[in-house]
């Protein structure tokens, strides 16, 4: 085996591990300051569609891998454009709408 091939065989796994760690870090968001969640809603099969928050409760609304339109409730909510860090098509568009309360909106990671 040539020196270059052997070096590539050693470097490739380390590079893949570093990229995986970077993707995981980008997918995380600080929860500091978020409201106490009283209602959790997401797409059961990670599909796309419309989600609406409930009134008078803090909602956590989780979009799926496709196009989502998410409407917050009126108390202050946490809205995720995507609940998973990968698998989204490049054509995906999410529309996140805040409500009357203080909302936290998290889009999808761009890797």
Protein backbone atom coordinates (compact mmCIF):
# COMPACT_ATOMS: atom_id res chain seq x y z
CA UNK A 1 0.00 0.00 0.00
CA UNK A 2 1.38 3.41 -0.90
CA UNK A 3 2.16 6.02 1.72
CA UNK A 4 -0.61 8.31 0.40
CA UNK A 5 -3.22 5.55 0.45
CA UNK A 6 -2.20 4.56 3.99
CA UNK A 7 -2.35 8.23 5.13
CA UNK A 8 -5.79 8.59 3.56
CA UNK A 9 -7.01 5.45 5.33
CA UNK A 10 -5.93 6.98 8.66
CA UNK A 11 -7.17 10.52 8.03
CA UNK A 12 -10.60 9.74 6.54
CA UNK A 13 -12.15 8.24 9.72
CA UNK A 14 -10.84 11.12 11.84
CA UNK A 15 -12.21 13.66 9.36
CA UNK A 16 -15.62 11.97 9.31
CA UNK A 17 -15.74 11.93 13.12
CA UNK A 18 -14.84 15.64 13.26
CA UNK A 19 -17.56 16.50 10.74
CA UNK A 20 -20.14 14.47 12.68
CA UNK A 21 -19.23 16.34 15.89
CA UNK A 22 -19.56 19.66 14.06
CA UNK A 23 -23.00 18.73 12.67
CA UNK A 24 -24.21 17.72 16.13
CA UNK A 25 -22.96 21.01 17.63
CA UNK A 26 -24.74 23.04 14.95
CA UNK A 27 -27.99 21.18 15.58
CA UNK A 28 -28.04 22.04 19.29
CA UNK A 29 -29.46 25.26 20.67
CA UNK A 30 -29.21 26.70 24.15
CA UNK A 31 -32.42 26.32 26.14
CA UNK A 32 -31.45 29.13 28.53
CA UNK A 33 -34.35 31.53 29.07
CA UNK A 34 -36.93 29.35 27.36
CA UNK A 35 -40.38 29.14 28.98
CA UNK A 36 -41.61 26.08 30.90
CA UNK A 37 -43.20 23.98 28.13
CA UNK A 38 -46.82 22.96 28.75
CA UNK A 39 -47.65 21.56 25.30
CA UNK A 40 -45.35 19.66 22.95
CA UNK A 41 -46.36 19.11 19.34
CA UNK A 42 -44.51 17.77 16.32
CA UNK A 43 -45.22 15.77 13.21
CA UNK A 44 -45.55 12.12 14.28
CA UNK A 45 -43.62 10.77 11.27
CA UNK A 46 -41.33 13.79 10.78
CA UNK A 47 -43.40 14.86 7.78
CA UNK A 48 -44.16 18.45 6.75
CA UNK A 49 -47.30 20.52 7.17
CA UNK A 50 -49.01 23.08 9.39
CA UNK A 51 -48.72 23.23 13.19
CA UNK A 52 -50.59 25.62 15.50
CA UNK A 53 -49.85 26.31 19.14
CA UNK A 54 -52.53 26.18 21.81
CA UNK A 55 -53.73 29.34 23.58
CA UNK A 56 -52.78 30.13 27.20
CA UNK A 57 -49.94 27.58 27.38
CA UNK A 58 -46.24 27.60 26.38
CA UNK A 59 -45.90 25.38 23.29
CA UNK A 60 -42.89 23.65 21.79
CA UNK A 61 -43.68 23.20 18.10
CA UNK A 62 -41.40 20.96 16.04
CA UNK A 63 -41.37 21.07 12.25
CA UNK A 64 -40.50 18.07 10.09
CA UNK A 65 -38.08 17.45 7.23
CA UNK A 66 -40.27 19.06 4.54
CA UNK A 67 -41.91 22.47 4.17
CA UNK A 68 -43.63 23.63 7.37
CA UNK A 69 -45.83 26.53 8.38
CA UNK A 70 -45.86 26.92 12.16
CA UNK A 71 -48.05 29.36 14.11
CA UNK A 72 -47.23 30.13 17.74
CA UNK A 73 -49.88 30.46 20.43
CA UNK A 74 -50.41 33.66 22.41
CA UNK A 75 -48.30 33.00 25.54
CA UNK A 76 -44.71 32.61 24.34
CA UNK A 77 -43.51 29.51 22.54
CA UNK A 78 -40.48 27.64 21.25
CA UNK A 79 -40.69 27.00 17.50
CA UNK A 80 -38.30 24.68 15.62
CA UNK A 81 -38.23 24.78 11.82
CA UNK A 82 -36.80 21.25 11.97
CA UNK A 83 -36.70 18.83 14.85
CA UNK A 84 -33.90 16.73 13.31
CA UNK A 85 -30.43 17.96 12.25
CA UNK A 86 -30.31 16.26 8.85
CA UNK A 87 -32.34 14.84 6.00
CA UNK A 88 -33.90 18.06 4.76
CA UNK A 89 -34.07 18.70 1.02
CA UNK A 90 -32.27 21.82 -0.20
CA UNK A 91 -35.60 23.09 -1.57
CA UNK A 92 -37.19 23.12 1.91
CA UNK A 93 -38.87 26.32 3.12
CA UNK A 94 -40.27 26.79 6.62
CA UNK A 95 -42.48 29.70 7.66
CA UNK A 96 -42.36 30.37 11.40
CA UNK A 97 -44.91 32.82 12.83
CA UNK A 98 -44.60 34.16 16.36
CA UNK A 99 -47.55 35.01 18.59
CA UNK A 100 -48.29 37.72 21.15
CA UNK A 101 -45.87 36.35 23.78
CA UNK A 102 -42.07 36.21 23.73
CA UNK A 103 -41.26 33.40 21.28
CA UNK A 104 -38.03 31.54 20.54
CA UNK A 105 -37.64 30.53 16.89
CA UNK A 106 -34.94 28.10 15.79
CA UNK A 107 -34.41 27.47 12.08
CA UNK A 108 -32.64 24.51 10.57
CA UNK A 109 -28.86 24.10 10.63
CA UNK A 110 -27.06 24.87 7.36
CA UNK A 111 -24.24 22.34 7.04
